[in-house]
């Protein structure tokens, strides 16, 4: 459980660009744009932030940020489904999705007819690799799935 908490903190830290312990609409917008590969309007970012901003300060603290993933009663089921999907892609020897494990899984899913190189998979991962370590943690995968 500690690794999930520290992983959640690292994702939060990736969004909290100025390190003030809060995520602003601008920070949310910037990270969403980086992850989605396209601009997210200021209005969309503000709407998302407002939805999760329980104390009304116009910023997301760590708990509010985690609240973006869903309601508590739905969270357990969502997390189980996401974990199963993540585990399908994760490298067998680690708890992260590596370029090689992504390639292996995509080939199993029928991408054999395409020329899928490890470099292609590295580029796919880079889009959602919020902490820049070259792999996807479960929390980065969860953010990716929520933005899809």
Protein backbone atom coordinates (compact mmCIF):
# COMPACT_ATOMS: atom_id res chain seq x y z
CA UNK A 1 0.00 0.00 0.00
CA UNK A 2 2.90 2.35 0.68
CA UNK A 3 4.09 2.09 -2.92
CA UNK A 4 0.62 3.09 -4.15
CA UNK A 5 0.62 6.09 -1.82
CA UNK A 6 4.08 7.17 -2.93
CA UNK A 7 3.14 6.61 -6.56
CA UNK A 8 0.00 8.74 -6.06
CA UNK A 9 2.17 11.41 -4.52
CA UNK A 10 4.56 11.36 -7.47
CA UNK A 11 1.68 11.77 -9.93
CA UNK A 12 0.31 14.62 -7.81
CA UNK A 13 3.79 16.18 -7.72
CA UNK A 14 4.02 15.95 -11.51
CA UNK A 15 0.83 18.01 -11.77
CA UNK A 16 1.88 20.41 -8.98
CA UNK A 17 4.52 22.17 -11.07
CA UNK A 18 5.24 24.99 -8.61
CA UNK A 19 5.46 22.63 -5.62
CA UNK A 20 2.99 24.54 -3.45
CA UNK A 21 0.98 21.44 -2.53
CA UNK A 22 -1.97 22.52 -4.68
CA UNK A 23 -2.86 22.03 -8.34
CA UNK A 24 -4.22 25.09 -10.12
CA UNK A 25 -6.37 25.08 -13.25
CA UNK A 26 -3.31 26.16 -15.25
CA UNK A 27 -1.22 23.26 -13.88
CA UNK A 28 -4.07 20.83 -14.50
CA UNK A 29 -4.48 22.17 -18.02
CA UNK A 30 -0.76 21.90 -18.78
CA UNK A 31 -0.48 18.29 -17.61
CA UNK A 32 -3.69 17.26 -19.34
CA UNK A 33 -2.47 18.85 -22.56
CA UNK A 34 0.86 17.04 -22.25
CA UNK A 35 -0.84 13.72 -21.54
CA UNK A 36 -3.53 14.06 -24.21
CA UNK A 37 -1.26 15.59 -26.81
CA UNK A 38 -3.71 18.40 -27.50
CA UNK A 39 -4.75 21.64 -25.87
CA UNK A 40 -7.37 21.53 -23.17
CA UNK A 41 -9.32 24.77 -22.92
CA UNK A 42 -9.06 26.88 -19.82
CA UNK A 43 -12.80 26.48 -19.34
CA UNK A 44 -12.52 22.67 -19.43
CA UNK A 45 -9.68 22.68 -16.90
CA UNK A 46 -11.59 25.05 -14.60
CA UNK A 47 -14.72 22.88 -14.89
CA UNK A 48 -12.78 19.74 -13.96
CA UNK A 49 -11.06 21.51 -11.09
CA UNK A 50 -14.34 22.96 -9.79
CA UNK A 51 -15.92 19.51 -9.84
CA UNK A 52 -13.27 18.13 -7.46
CA UNK A 53 -12.58 21.28 -5.39
CA UNK A 54 -14.43 20.38 -2.19
CA UNK A 55 -13.15 23.28 -0.07
CA UNK A 56 -13.89 25.92 -2.73
CA UNK A 57 -10.42 27.50 -2.75
CA UNK A 58 -10.06 27.16 -6.52
CA UNK A 59 -7.16 24.70 -6.14
CA UNK A 60 -6.84 20.95 -5.70
CA UNK A 61 -5.01 19.57 -2.70
CA UNK A 62 -3.74 15.98 -2.78
CA UNK A 63 -7.01 14.43 -1.56
CA UNK A 64 -9.15 16.50 -3.92
CA UNK A 65 -6.84 15.53 -6.76
CA UNK A 66 -7.28 11.85 -5.92
CA UNK A 67 -11.03 12.45 -5.85
CA UNK A 68 -10.91 13.09 -9.59
CA UNK A 69 -10.70 9.33 -10.14
CA UNK A 70 -14.25 8.64 -8.99
CA UNK A 71 -16.77 8.33 -6.20
CA UNK A 72 -15.83 6.16 -3.19
CA UNK A 73 -18.53 3.54 -3.87
CA UNK A 74 -17.37 3.14 -7.48
CA UNK A 75 -13.68 3.43 -6.71
CA UNK A 76 -13.08 -0.15 -5.57
CA UNK A 77 -14.64 -1.65 -8.70
CA UNK A 78 -12.91 0.87 -10.98
CA UNK A 79 -9.56 0.23 -9.32
CA UNK A 80 -9.96 -3.54 -9.66
CA UNK A 81 -10.75 -3.25 -13.38
CA UNK A 82 -7.90 -0.80 -13.95
CA UNK A 83 -5.51 -3.03 -12.02
CA UNK A 84 -6.45 -6.04 -14.16
CA UNK A 85 -5.94 -4.04 -17.35
CA UNK A 86 -2.65 -2.63 -16.03
CA UNK A 87 -1.39 -6.08 -15.03
CA UNK A 88 -2.04 -7.32 -18.55
CA UNK A 89 0.48 -4.76 -19.87
CA UNK A 90 2.95 -4.63 -16.97
CA UNK A 91 6.30 -6.34 -17.25
CA UNK A 92 6.23 -9.71 -15.52
CA UNK A 93 9.27 -8.94 -13.39
CA UNK A 94 8.16 -5.44 -12.34
CA UNK A 95 5.03 -3.48 -11.46
CA UNK A 96 5.34 -0.98 -14.31
CA UNK A 97 4.59 -0.93 -18.01
CA UNK A 98 7.86 -0.84 -19.92
CA UNK A 99 8.22 -0.26 -23.67
CA UNK A 100 9.09 -3.96 -24.11
CA UNK A 101 6.10 -5.19 -22.06
CA UNK A 102 3.77 -2.85 -23.97
CA UNK A 103 5.11 -4.17 -27.28
CA UNK A 104 4.76 -7.79 -26.13
CA UNK A 105 1.15 -7.28 -25.03
CA UNK A 106 0.13 -5.34 -28.13
CA UNK A 107 1.56 -8.11 -30.30
CA UNK A 108 -0.45 -10.68 -28.30
CA UNK A 109 -3.53 -8.56 -28.94
CA UNK A 110 -3.07 -8.75 -32.70
CA UNK A 111 -0.63 -6.02 -33.68
CA UNK A 112 1.72 -8.60 -35.31
CA UNK A 113 0.90 -7.42 -38.82
CA UNK A 114 2.20 -3.95 -38.05
CA UNK A 115 5.82 -3.00 -37.66
CA UNK A 116 5.70 -2.17 -33.95
CA UNK A 117 9.12 -1.26 -32.62
CA UNK A 118 10.17 -0.72 -29.02
CA UNK A 119 10.81 2.92 -29.98
CA UNK A 120 7.13 3.23 -30.98
CA UNK A 121 6.08 1.87 -27.59
CA UNK A 122 8.53 4.21 -25.85
CA UNK A 123 6.81 7.14 -27.61
CA UNK A 124 3.37 5.88 -26.51
CA UNK A 125 4.54 5.65 -22.90
CA UNK A 126 6.25 9.04 -23.01
CA UNK A 127 2.92 10.75 -23.61
CA UNK A 128 1.61 9.68 -20.20
CA UNK A 129 4.88 9.29 -18.27
CA UNK A 130 4.28 12.12 -15.82
CA UNK A 131 7.43 11.60 -13.76
CA UNK A 132 9.73 11.07 -16.76
CA UNK A 133 11.14 7.69 -15.70
CA UNK A 134 10.41 6.02 -19.05
CA UNK A 135 7.78 3.60 -17.73
CA UNK A 136 4.15 3.80 -16.64
CA UNK A 137 3.27 3.25 -13.01
CA UNK A 138 -0.24 2.18 -12.10
CA UNK A 139 -1.17 5.76 -11.18
CA UNK A 140 0.10 7.11 -14.51
CA UNK A 141 -1.87 4.36 -16.27
CA UNK A 142 -4.95 5.34 -14.26
CA UNK A 143 -4.56 9.00 -15.25
CA UNK A 144 -4.16 7.93 -18.88
CA UNK A 145 -7.30 5.79 -18.76
CA UNK A 146 -9.33 8.55 -17.12
CA UNK A 147 -8.29 11.01 -19.82
CA UNK A 148 -9.06 8.64 -22.68
